[in-house]
């Protein structure tokens, strides 16, 4: 399988986003951020020829981007980012993770 590591990471991210969220939604989002980050670390996007998959990678990176945030309470930047996402942004992130997990499973 060409993308076995990405299958593992994005499947795990998708699982993190599923109900229930025993430690809260923000914690579940942070867990998904971590898995996505691992799945995309040193990943060569030129291997992907599908525009929808590339768009989903872009959405995930945007959702996880914590630049410009300040962590005065030492919660963690991803926690702050997760707490700041709108319902629409959470939906877009979750949908992108789901679609990308399915995309990588094809190979």
PDB file of N, CA and C in Angstrom:
ATOM      1  N   UNK A   1       0.851  -1.178   0.000  1.00  0.00           N
ATOM      2  CA  UNK A   1       0.000   0.000   0.000  1.00  0.00           C
ATOM      3  C   UNK A   1       0.893   1.236   0.000  1.00  0.00           C
ATOM      4  N   UNK A   2       0.676   2.080  -0.971  1.00  0.00           N
ATOM      5  CA  UNK A   2       1.499   3.264  -1.200  1.00  0.00           C
ATOM      6  C   UNK A   2       1.417   4.303  -0.074  1.00  0.00           C
ATOM      7  N   UNK A   3       0.254   4.458   0.517  1.00  0.00           N
ATOM      8  CA  UNK A   3       0.036   5.480   1.534  1.00  0.00           C
ATOM      9  C   UNK A   3      -0.366   4.850   2.875  1.00  0.00           C
ATOM     10  N   UNK A   4       0.239   3.753   3.246  1.00  0.00           N
ATOM     11  CA  UNK A   4      -0.192   3.034   4.451  1.00  0.00           C
ATOM     12  C   UNK A   4      -0.073   3.888   5.718  1.00  0.00           C
ATOM     13  N   UNK A   5       0.976   4.694   5.826  1.00  0.00           N
ATOM     14  CA  UNK A   5       1.124   5.548   7.003  1.00  0.00           C
ATOM     15  C   UNK A   5       0.018   6.599   7.035  1.00  0.00           C
ATOM     16  N   UNK A   6      -0.294   7.199   5.885  1.00  0.00           N
ATOM     17  CA  UNK A   6      -1.356   8.196   5.826  1.00  0.00           C
ATOM     18  C   UNK A   6      -2.716   7.551   6.125  1.00  0.00           C
ATOM     19  N   UNK A   7      -2.933   6.331   5.659  1.00  0.00           N
ATOM     20  CA  UNK A   7      -4.182   5.623   5.977  1.00  0.00           C
ATOM     21  C   UNK A   7      -4.323   5.502   7.489  1.00  0.00           C
ATOM     22  N   UNK A   8      -3.254   5.064   8.141  1.00  0.00           N
ATOM     23  CA  UNK A   8      -3.270   4.895   9.595  1.00  0.00           C
ATOM     24  C   UNK A   8      -3.558   6.213  10.306  1.00  0.00           C
ATOM     25  N   UNK A   9      -2.852   7.255   9.935  1.00  0.00           N
ATOM     26  CA  UNK A   9      -2.967   8.537  10.637  1.00  0.00           C
ATOM     27  C   UNK A   9      -4.315   9.213  10.396  1.00  0.00           C
ATOM     28  N   UNK A  10      -4.786   9.213   9.149  1.00  0.00           N
ATOM     29  CA  UNK A  10      -6.053   9.885   8.871  1.00  0.00           C
ATOM     30  C   UNK A  10      -7.256   9.068   9.347  1.00  0.00           C
ATOM     31  N   UNK A  11      -7.118   7.763   9.396  1.00  0.00           N
ATOM     32  CA  UNK A  11      -8.171   6.938   9.991  1.00  0.00           C
ATOM     33  C   UNK A  11      -8.251   7.200  11.490  1.00  0.00           C
ATOM     34  N   UNK A  12      -7.106   7.341  12.125  1.00  0.00           N
ATOM     35  CA  UNK A  12      -7.068   7.654  13.550  1.00  0.00           C
ATOM     36  C   UNK A  12      -7.635   9.051  13.811  1.00  0.00           C
ATOM     37  N   UNK A  13      -7.300  10.011  12.953  1.00  0.00           N
ATOM     38  CA  UNK A  13      -7.847  11.368  13.089  1.00  0.00           C
ATOM     39  C   UNK A  13      -9.371  11.338  12.953  1.00  0.00           C
ATOM     40  N   UNK A  14      -9.855  10.582  11.977  1.00  0.00           N
ATOM     41  CA  UNK A  14     -11.306  10.466  11.777  1.00  0.00           C
ATOM     42  C   UNK A  14     -11.959   9.868  13.016  1.00  0.00           C
ATOM     43  N   UNK A  15     -11.348   8.849  13.598  1.00  0.00           N
ATOM     44  CA  UNK A  15     -11.891   8.233  14.812  1.00  0.00           C
ATOM     45  C   UNK A  15     -11.938   9.227  15.973  1.00  0.00           C
ATOM     46  N   UNK A  16     -10.929  10.072  16.066  1.00  0.00           N
ATOM     47  CA  UNK A  16     -10.894  11.081  17.135  1.00  0.00           C
ATOM     48  C   UNK A  16     -12.069  12.043  17.050  1.00  0.00           C
ATOM     49  N   UNK A  17     -12.547  12.267  15.850  1.00  0.00           N
ATOM     50  CA  UNK A  17     -13.620  13.234  15.641  1.00  0.00           C
ATOM     51  C   UNK A  17     -15.017  12.653  15.839  1.00  0.00           C
ATOM     52  N   UNK A  18     -15.084  11.343  16.032  1.00  0.00           N
ATOM     53  CA  UNK A  18     -16.381  10.692  16.200  1.00  0.00           C
ATOM     54  C   UNK A  18     -16.878  10.846  17.636  1.00  0.00           C
ATOM     55  N   UNK A  19     -18.186  10.898  17.772  1.00  0.00           N
ATOM     56  CA  UNK A  19     -18.816  10.987  19.092  1.00  0.00           C
ATOM     57  C   UNK A  19     -18.651   9.677  19.840  1.00  0.00           C
ATOM     58  N   UNK A  20     -18.683   9.685  21.136  1.00  0.00           N
ATOM     59  CA  UNK A  20     -18.721  10.852  22.009  1.00  0.00           C
ATOM     60  C   UNK A  20     -17.330  11.446  22.192  1.00  0.00           C
ATOM     61  N   UNK A  21     -17.295  12.603  22.817  1.00  0.00           N
ATOM     62  CA  UNK A  21     -16.032  13.284  23.118  1.00  0.00           C
ATOM     63  C   UNK A  21     -15.885  13.320  24.644  1.00  0.00           C
ATOM     64  N   UNK A  22     -15.420  12.214  25.238  1.00  0.00           N
ATOM     65  CA  UNK A  22     -15.405  12.126  26.708  1.00  0.00           C
ATOM     66  C   UNK A  22     -14.560  13.197  27.392  1.00  0.00           C
ATOM     67  N   UNK A  23     -13.541  13.711  26.714  1.00  0.00           N
ATOM     68  CA  UNK A  23     -12.705  14.759  27.305  1.00  0.00           C
ATOM     69  C   UNK A  23     -12.993  16.120  26.676  1.00  0.00           C
ATOM     70  N   UNK A  24     -14.085  16.215  25.937  1.00  0.00           N
ATOM     71  CA  UNK A  24     -14.495  17.457  25.308  1.00  0.00           C
ATOM     72  C   UNK A  24     -14.107  17.519  23.837  1.00  0.00           C
ATOM     73  N   UNK A  25     -14.855  18.314  23.117  1.00  0.00           N
ATOM     74  CA  UNK A  25     -14.651  18.444  21.675  1.00  0.00           C
ATOM     75  C   UNK A  25     -13.278  19.018  21.331  1.00  0.00           C
ATOM     76  N   UNK A  26     -12.823  19.996  22.093  1.00  0.00           N
ATOM     77  CA  UNK A  26     -11.520  20.610  21.806  1.00  0.00           C
ATOM     78  C   UNK A  26     -10.401  19.583  21.922  1.00  0.00           C
ATOM     79  N   UNK A  27     -10.463  18.713  22.918  1.00  0.00           N
ATOM     80  CA  UNK A  27      -9.444  17.664  23.084  1.00  0.00           C
ATOM     81  C   UNK A  27      -9.482  16.713  21.899  1.00  0.00           C
ATOM     82  N   UNK A  28     -10.670  16.352  21.450  1.00  0.00           N
ATOM     83  CA  UNK A  28     -10.807  15.468  20.287  1.00  0.00           C
ATOM     84  C   UNK A  28     -10.234  16.118  19.036  1.00  0.00           C
ATOM     85  N   UNK A  29     -10.483  17.408  18.874  1.00  0.00           N
ATOM     86  CA  UNK A  29      -9.909  18.132  17.735  1.00  0.00           C
ATOM     87  C   UNK A  29      -8.386  18.165  17.824  1.00  0.00           C
ATOM     88  N   UNK A  30      -7.856  18.391  19.017  1.00  0.00           N
ATOM     89  CA  UNK A  30      -6.391  18.392  19.197  1.00  0.00           C
ATOM     90  C   UNK A  30      -5.798  17.034  18.847  1.00  0.00           C
ATOM     91  N   UNK A  31      -6.478  15.971  19.251  1.00  0.00           N
ATOM     92  CA  UNK A  31      -6.010  14.625  18.906  1.00  0.00           C
ATOM     93  C   UNK A  31      -6.002  14.434  17.395  1.00  0.00           C
ATOM     94  N   UNK A  32      -7.042  14.913  16.734  1.00  0.00           N
ATOM     95  CA  UNK A  32      -7.111  14.812  15.267  1.00  0.00           C
ATOM     96  C   UNK A  32      -6.028  15.677  14.619  1.00  0.00           C
ATOM     97  N   UNK A  33      -5.796  16.867  15.162  1.00  0.00           N
ATOM     98  CA  UNK A  33      -4.711  17.724  14.647  1.00  0.00           C
ATOM     99  C   UNK A  33      -3.374  16.981  14.697  1.00  0.00           C
ATOM    100  N   UNK A  34      -3.113  16.325  15.829  1.00  0.00           N
ATOM    101  CA  UNK A  34      -1.845  15.601  16.003  1.00  0.00           C
ATOM    102  C   UNK A  34      -1.701  14.503  14.949  1.00  0.00           C
ATOM    103  N   UNK A  35      -2.750  13.733  14.748  1.00  0.00           N
ATOM    104  CA  UNK A  35      -2.699  12.645  13.772  1.00  0.00           C
ATOM    105  C   UNK A  35      -2.521  13.181  12.351  1.00  0.00           C
ATOM    106  N   UNK A  36      -3.222  14.246  12.024  1.00  0.00           N
ATOM    107  CA  UNK A  36      -3.079  14.856  10.693  1.00  0.00           C
ATOM    108  C   UNK A  36      -1.671  15.402  10.504  1.00  0.00           C
ATOM    109  N   UNK A  37      -1.148  16.037  11.542  1.00  0.00           N
ATOM    110  CA  UNK A  37       0.204  16.576  11.466  1.00  0.00           C
ATOM    111  C   UNK A  37       1.210  15.458  11.193  1.00  0.00           C
ATOM    112  N   UNK A  38       1.059  14.352  11.885  1.00  0.00           N
ATOM    113  CA  UNK A  38       1.946  13.210  11.657  1.00  0.00           C
ATOM    114  C   UNK A  38       1.784  12.660  10.245  1.00  0.00           C
ATOM    115  N   UNK A  39       0.548  12.579   9.786  1.00  0.00           N
ATOM    116  CA  UNK A  39       0.276  12.055   8.445  1.00  0.00           C
ATOM    117  C   UNK A  39       0.802  12.932   7.330  1.00  0.00           C
ATOM    118  N   UNK A  40       0.928  14.225   7.596  1.00  0.00           N
ATOM    119  CA  UNK A  40       1.403  15.162   6.571  1.00  0.00           C
ATOM    120  C   UNK A  40       2.877  15.539   6.733  1.00  0.00           C
ATOM    121  N   UNK A  41       3.492  15.120   7.834  1.00  0.00           N
ATOM    122  CA  UNK A  41       4.899  15.456   8.079  1.00  0.00           C
ATOM    123  C   UNK A  41       5.785  14.827   6.999  1.00  0.00           C
ATOM    124  N   UNK A  42       6.555  15.654   6.330  1.00  0.00           N
ATOM    125  CA  UNK A  42       7.449  15.213   5.242  1.00  0.00           C
ATOM    126  C   UNK A  42       6.709  14.496   4.112  1.00  0.00           C
ATOM    127  N   UNK A  43       5.428  14.779   3.968  1.00  0.00           N
ATOM    128  CA  UNK A  43       4.640  14.142   2.912  1.00  0.00           C
ATOM    129  C   UNK A  43       4.805  14.909   1.605  1.00  0.00           C
ATOM    130  N   UNK A  44       5.081  14.197   0.550  1.00  0.00           N
ATOM    131  CA  UNK A  44       5.280  14.788  -0.776  1.00  0.00           C
ATOM    132  C   UNK A  44       3.928  14.912  -1.479  1.00  0.00           C
ATOM    133  N   UNK A  45       3.370  16.113  -1.457  1.00  0.00           N
ATOM    134  CA  UNK A  45       2.043  16.337  -2.048  1.00  0.00           C
ATOM    135  C   UNK A  45       2.028  16.137  -3.560  1.00  0.00           C
ATOM    136  N   UNK A  46       3.189  16.147  -4.195  1.00  0.00           N
ATOM    137  CA  UNK A  46       3.229  15.925  -5.646  1.00  0.00           C
ATOM    138  C   UNK A  46       2.824  14.487  -6.000  1.00  0.00           C
ATOM    139  N   UNK A  47       2.755  13.603  -5.001  1.00  0.00           N
ATOM    140  CA  UNK A  47       2.296  12.231  -5.236  1.00  0.00           C
ATOM    141  C   UNK A  47       0.790  12.157  -5.459  1.00  0.00           C
ATOM    142  N   UNK A  48       0.098  13.239  -5.119  1.00  0.00           N
ATOM    143  CA  UNK A  48      -1.360  13.265  -5.240  1.00  0.00           C
ATOM    144  C   UNK A  48      -1.750  13.982  -6.517  1.00  0.00           C
ATOM    145  N   UNK A  49      -2.515  13.292  -7.324  1.00  0.00           N
ATOM    146  CA  UNK A  49      -2.957  13.841  -8.607  1.00  0.00           C
ATOM    147  C   UNK A  49      -4.423  14.279  -8.579  1.00  0.00           C
ATOM    148  N   UNK A  50      -5.060  14.173  -7.431  1.00  0.00           N
ATOM    149  CA  UNK A  50      -6.477  14.477  -7.288  1.00  0.00           C
ATOM    150  C   UNK A  50      -6.660  15.857  -6.660  1.00  0.00           C
ATOM    151  N   UNK A  51      -7.319  16.769  -7.388  1.00  0.00           N
ATOM    152  CA  UNK A  51      -7.504  18.141  -6.906  1.00  0.00           C
ATOM    153  C   UNK A  51      -8.320  18.205  -5.620  1.00  0.00           C
ATOM    154  N   UNK A  52      -9.318  17.343  -5.483  1.00  0.00           N
ATOM    155  CA  UNK A  52     -10.143  17.340  -4.278  1.00  0.00           C
ATOM    156  C   UNK A  52      -9.305  16.932  -3.068  1.00  0.00           C
ATOM    157  N   UNK A  53      -8.456  15.936  -3.221  1.00  0.00           N
ATOM    158  CA  UNK A  53      -7.587  15.504  -2.121  1.00  0.00           C
ATOM    159  C   UNK A  53      -6.615  16.628  -1.743  1.00  0.00           C
ATOM    160  N   UNK A  54      -6.058  17.295  -2.727  1.00  0.00           N
ATOM    161  CA  UNK A  54      -5.150  18.411  -2.452  1.00  0.00           C
ATOM    162  C   UNK A  54      -5.880  19.548  -1.745  1.00  0.00           C
ATOM    163  N   UNK A  55      -7.113  19.798  -2.134  1.00  0.00           N
ATOM    164  CA  UNK A  55      -7.928  20.819  -1.479  1.00  0.00           C
ATOM    165  C   UNK A  55      -8.199  20.434  -0.026  1.00  0.00           C
ATOM    166  N   UNK A  56      -8.431  19.148   0.219  1.00  0.00           N
ATOM    167  CA  UNK A  56      -8.660  18.694   1.592  1.00  0.00           C
ATOM    168  C   UNK A  56      -7.408  18.855   2.447  1.00  0.00           C
ATOM    169  N   UNK A  57      -6.242  18.607   1.875  1.00  0.00           N
ATOM    170  CA  UNK A  57      -4.991  18.832   2.604  1.00  0.00           C
ATOM    171  C   UNK A  57      -4.862  20.305   2.959  1.00  0.00           C
ATOM    172  N   UNK A  58      -5.184  21.168   2.019  1.00  0.00           N
ATOM    173  CA  UNK A  58      -5.122  22.614   2.269  1.00  0.00           C
ATOM    174  C   UNK A  58      -6.077  23.000   3.405  1.00  0.00           C
ATOM    175  N   UNK A  59      -7.306  22.476   3.384  1.00  0.00           N
ATOM    176  CA  UNK A  59      -8.286  22.786   4.433  1.00  0.00           C
ATOM    177  C   UNK A  59      -7.798  22.323   5.803  1.00  0.00           C
ATOM    178  N   UNK A  60      -7.205  21.138   5.834  1.00  0.00           N
ATOM    179  CA  UNK A  60      -6.696  20.609   7.101  1.00  0.00           C
ATOM    180  C   UNK A  60      -5.573  21.489   7.629  1.00  0.00           C
ATOM    181  N   UNK A  61      -4.648  21.852   6.766  1.00  0.00           N
ATOM    182  CA  UNK A  61      -3.544  22.715   7.194  1.00  0.00           C
ATOM    183  C   UNK A  61      -4.054  24.062   7.688  1.00  0.00           C
ATOM    184  N   UNK A  62      -5.041  24.626   7.001  1.00  0.00           N
ATOM    185  CA  UNK A  62      -5.616  25.902   7.434  1.00  0.00           C
ATOM    186  C   UNK A  62      -6.287  25.760   8.796  1.00  0.00           C
ATOM    187  N   UNK A  63      -7.009  24.669   8.984  1.00  0.00           N
ATOM    188  CA  UNK A  63      -7.711  24.449  10.251  1.00  0.00           C
ATOM    189  C   UNK A  63      -6.746  24.308  11.413  1.00  0.00           C
ATOM    190  N   UNK A  64      -5.586  23.727  11.167  1.00  0.00           N
ATOM    191  CA  UNK A  64      -4.599  23.482  12.205  1.00  0.00           C
ATOM    192  C   UNK A  64      -3.656  24.657  12.434  1.00  0.00           C
ATOM    193  N   UNK A  65      -3.644  25.603  11.528  1.00  0.00           N
ATOM    194  CA  UNK A  65      -2.684  26.708  11.596  1.00  0.00           C
ATOM    195  C   UNK A  65      -2.918  27.550  12.847  1.00  0.00           C
ATOM    196  N   UNK A  66      -1.918  27.570  13.696  1.00  0.00           N
ATOM    197  CA  UNK A  66      -2.039  28.317  14.950  1.00  0.00           C
ATOM    198  C   UNK A  66      -1.158  29.563  14.970  1.00  0.00           C
ATOM    199  N   UNK A  67      -0.621  29.939  13.818  1.00  0.00           N
ATOM    200  CA  UNK A  67       0.217  31.137  13.797  1.00  0.00           C
ATOM    201  C   UNK A  67      -0.624  32.359  14.166  1.00  0.00           C
ATOM    202  N   UNK A  68      -0.021  33.233  14.911  1.00  0.00           N
ATOM    203  CA  UNK A  68      -0.713  34.442  15.344  1.00  0.00           C
ATOM    204  C   UNK A  68      -1.488  34.274  16.638  1.00  0.00           C
ATOM    205  N   UNK A  69      -1.581  33.049  17.143  1.00  0.00           N
ATOM    206  CA  UNK A  69      -2.284  32.823  18.404  1.00  0.00           C
ATOM    207  C   UNK A  69      -1.309  32.980  19.564  1.00  0.00           C
ATOM    208  N   UNK A  70      -1.836  33.400  20.693  1.00  0.00           N
ATOM    209  CA  UNK A  70      -1.032  33.604  21.886  1.00  0.00           C
ATOM    210  C   UNK A  70      -1.505  32.637  22.965  1.00  0.00           C
ATOM    211  N   UNK A  71      -0.584  31.927  23.579  1.00  0.00           N
ATOM    212  CA  UNK A  71      -0.903  30.917  24.589  1.00  0.00           C
ATOM    213  C   UNK A  71      -0.510  31.411  25.984  1.00  0.00           C
ATOM    214  N   UNK A  72      -1.159  32.457  26.450  1.00  0.00           N
ATOM    215  CA  UNK A  72      -0.832  33.028  27.756  1.00  0.00           C
ATOM    216  C   UNK A  72      -1.173  32.086  28.906  1.00  0.00           C
ATOM    217  N   UNK A  73      -2.189  31.243  28.727  1.00  0.00           N
ATOM    218  CA  UNK A  73      -2.614  30.324  29.785  1.00  0.00           C
ATOM    219  C   UNK A  73      -1.898  28.976  29.710  1.00  0.00           C
ATOM    220  N   UNK A  74      -1.010  28.828  28.745  1.00  0.00           N
ATOM    221  CA  UNK A  74      -0.251  27.592  28.532  1.00  0.00           C
ATOM    222  C   UNK A  74      -1.158  26.375  28.349  1.00  0.00           C
ATOM    223  N   UNK A  75      -2.206  26.546  27.567  1.00  0.00           N
ATOM    224  CA  UNK A  75      -3.110  25.452  27.211  1.00  0.00           C
ATOM    225  C   UNK A  75      -2.541  24.621  26.079  1.00  0.00           C
ATOM    226  N   UNK A  76      -1.781  25.254  25.224  1.00  0.00           N
ATOM    227  CA  UNK A  76      -1.300  24.650  23.988  1.00  0.00           C
ATOM    228  C   UNK A  76      -1.965  25.360  22.820  1.00  0.00           C
ATOM    229  N   UNK A  77      -1.179  25.658  21.805  1.00  0.00           N
ATOM    230  CA  UNK A  77      -1.718  26.419  20.666  1.00  0.00           C
ATOM    231  C   UNK A  77      -2.804  25.655  19.920  1.00  0.00           C
ATOM    232  N   UNK A  78      -2.654  24.341  19.797  1.00  0.00           N
ATOM    233  CA  UNK A  78      -3.709  23.599  19.107  1.00  0.00           C
ATOM    234  C   UNK A  78      -5.002  23.610  19.913  1.00  0.00           C
ATOM    235  N   UNK A  79      -4.908  23.593  21.222  1.00  0.00           N
ATOM    236  CA  UNK A  79      -6.098  23.662  22.060  1.00  0.00           C
ATOM    237  C   UNK A  79      -6.799  25.005  21.852  1.00  0.00           C
ATOM    238  N   UNK A  80      -6.024  26.064  21.837  1.00  0.00           N
ATOM    239  CA  UNK A  80      -6.579  27.395  21.604  1.00  0.00           C
ATOM    240  C   UNK A  80      -7.222  27.455  20.222  1.00  0.00           C
ATOM    241  N   UNK A  81      -6.535  26.922  19.228  1.00  0.00           N
ATOM    242  CA  UNK A  81      -7.070  26.904  17.864  1.00  0.00           C
ATOM    243  C   UNK A  81      -8.370  26.109  17.821  1.00  0.00           C
ATOM    244  N   UNK A  82      -8.380  24.924  18.434  1.00  0.00           N
ATOM    245  CA  UNK A  82      -9.580  24.080  18.442  1.00  0.00           C
ATOM    246  C   UNK A  82     -10.759  24.800  19.082  1.00  0.00           C
ATOM    247  N   UNK A  83     -10.500  25.496  20.167  1.00  0.00           N
ATOM    248  CA  UNK A  83     -11.565  26.223  20.864  1.00  0.00           C
ATOM    249  C   UNK A  83     -12.069  27.417  20.070  1.00  0.00           C
ATOM    250  N   UNK A  84     -11.243  27.915  19.148  1.00  0.00           N
ATOM    251  CA  UNK A  84     -11.629  29.108  18.389  1.00  0.00           C
ATOM    252  C   UNK A  84     -12.361  28.792  17.084  1.00  0.00           C
ATOM    253  N   UNK A  85     -12.370  27.530  16.686  1.00  0.00           N
ATOM    254  CA  UNK A  85     -13.015  27.177  15.411  1.00  0.00           C
ATOM    255  C   UNK A  85     -14.528  27.354  15.487  1.00  0.00           C
ATOM    256  N   UNK A  86     -15.090  27.901  14.421  1.00  0.00           N
ATOM    257  CA  UNK A  86     -16.546  28.017  14.317  1.00  0.00           C
ATOM    258  C   UNK A  86     -17.133  26.642  13.985  1.00  0.00           C
ATOM    259  N   UNK A  87     -18.425  26.530  14.091  1.00  0.00           N
ATOM    260  CA  UNK A  87     -19.084  25.267  13.737  1.00  0.00           C
ATOM    261  C   UNK A  87     -18.810  24.914  12.275  1.00  0.00           C
ATOM    262  N   UNK A  88     -18.835  25.903  11.399  1.00  0.00           N
ATOM    263  CA  UNK A  88     -18.564  25.672   9.978  1.00  0.00           C
ATOM    264  C   UNK A  88     -17.124  25.203   9.763  1.00  0.00           C
ATOM    265  N   UNK A  89     -16.185  25.813  10.467  1.00  0.00           N
ATOM    266  CA  UNK A  89     -14.782  25.414  10.347  1.00  0.00           C
ATOM    267  C   UNK A  89     -14.565  23.994  10.867  1.00  0.00           C
ATOM    268  N   UNK A  90     -15.238  23.642  11.961  1.00  0.00           N
ATOM    269  CA  UNK A  90     -15.143  22.269  12.485  1.00  0.00           C
ATOM    270  C   UNK A  90     -15.722  21.281  11.485  1.00  0.00           C
ATOM    271  N   UNK A  91     -16.842  21.649  10.887  1.00  0.00           N
ATOM    272  CA  UNK A  91     -17.456  20.791   9.866  1.00  0.00           C
ATOM    273  C   UNK A  91     -16.508  20.604   8.682  1.00  0.00           C
ATOM    274  N   UNK A  92     -15.937  21.695   8.193  1.00  0.00           N
ATOM    275  CA  UNK A  92     -15.021  21.625   7.049  1.00  0.00           C
ATOM    276  C   UNK A  92     -13.801  20.767   7.366  1.00  0.00           C
ATOM    277  N   UNK A  93     -13.240  20.939   8.559  1.00  0.00           N
ATOM    278  CA  UNK A  93     -12.085  20.145   8.973  1.00  0.00           C
ATOM    279  C   UNK A  93     -12.449  18.664   9.056  1.00  0.00           C
ATOM    280  N   UNK A  94     -13.537  18.378   9.733  1.00  0.00           N
ATOM    281  CA  UNK A  94     -13.971  16.989   9.909  1.00  0.00           C
ATOM    282  C   UNK A  94     -14.255  16.320   8.564  1.00  0.00           C
ATOM    283  N   UNK A  95     -14.910  17.039   7.686  1.00  0.00           N
ATOM    284  CA  UNK A  95     -15.220  16.513   6.361  1.00  0.00           C
ATOM    285  C   UNK A  95     -13.946  16.266   5.557  1.00  0.00           C
ATOM    286  N   UNK A  96     -12.998  17.190   5.641  1.00  0.00           N
ATOM    287  CA  UNK A  96     -11.727  17.036   4.919  1.00  0.00           C
ATOM    288  C   UNK A  96     -10.959  15.825   5.436  1.00  0.00           C
ATOM    289  N   UNK A  97     -10.944  15.626   6.748  1.00  0.00           N
ATOM    290  CA  UNK A  97     -10.271  14.460   7.334  1.00  0.00           C
ATOM    291  C   UNK A  97     -10.932  13.182   6.841  1.00  0.00           C
ATOM    292  N   UNK A  98     -12.240  13.144   6.883  1.00  0.00           N
ATOM    293  CA  UNK A  98     -12.982  11.962   6.440  1.00  0.00           C
ATOM    294  C   UNK A  98     -12.693  11.643   4.969  1.00  0.00           C
ATOM    295  N   UNK A  99     -12.782  12.652   4.123  1.00  0.00           N
ATOM    296  CA  UNK A  99     -12.545  12.431   2.700  1.00  0.00           C
ATOM    297  C   UNK A  99     -11.109  12.020   2.417  1.00  0.00           C
ATOM    298  N   UNK A 100     -10.161  12.603   3.113  1.00  0.00           N
ATOM    299  CA  UNK A 100      -8.759  12.252   2.891  1.00  0.00           C
ATOM    300  C   UNK A 100      -8.454  10.847   3.404  1.00  0.00           C
ATOM    301  N   UNK A 101      -9.041  10.468   4.523  1.00  0.00           N
ATOM    302  CA  UNK A 101      -8.874   9.099   5.026  1.00  0.00           C
ATOM    303  C   UNK A 101      -9.397   8.106   3.985  1.00  0.00           C
ATOM    304  N   UNK A 102     -10.538   8.395   3.407  1.00  0.00           N
ATOM    305  CA  UNK A 102     -11.105   7.522   2.382  1.00  0.00           C
ATOM    306  C   UNK A 102     -10.243   7.525   1.115  1.00  0.00           C
ATOM    307  N   UNK A 103      -9.725   8.674   0.756  1.00  0.00           N
ATOM    308  CA  UNK A 103      -8.886   8.783  -0.426  1.00  0.00           C
ATOM    309  C   UNK A 103      -7.644   7.899  -0.289  1.00  0.00           C
ATOM    310  N   UNK A 104      -6.953   7.995   0.840  1.00  0.00           N
ATOM    311  CA  UNK A 104      -5.727   7.220   1.008  1.00  0.00           C
ATOM    312  C   UNK A 104      -6.003   5.717   1.049  1.00  0.00           C
ATOM    313  N   UNK A 105      -7.186   5.327   1.488  1.00  0.00           N
ATOM    314  CA  UNK A 105      -7.529   3.899   1.545  1.00  0.00           C
ATOM    315  C   UNK A 105      -7.655   3.264   0.168  1.00  0.00           C
ATOM    316  N   UNK A 106      -7.771   4.067  -0.859  1.00  0.00           N
ATOM    317  CA  UNK A 106      -7.911   3.536  -2.218  1.00  0.00           C
ATOM    318  C   UNK A 106      -6.635   2.894  -2.736  1.00  0.00           C
ATOM    319  N   UNK A 107      -5.504   3.197  -2.123  1.00  0.00           N
ATOM    320  CA  UNK A 107      -4.217   2.780  -2.674  1.00  0.00           C
ATOM    321  C   UNK A 107      -3.589   1.657  -1.873  1.00  0.00           C
TER     322      UNK A 107
END
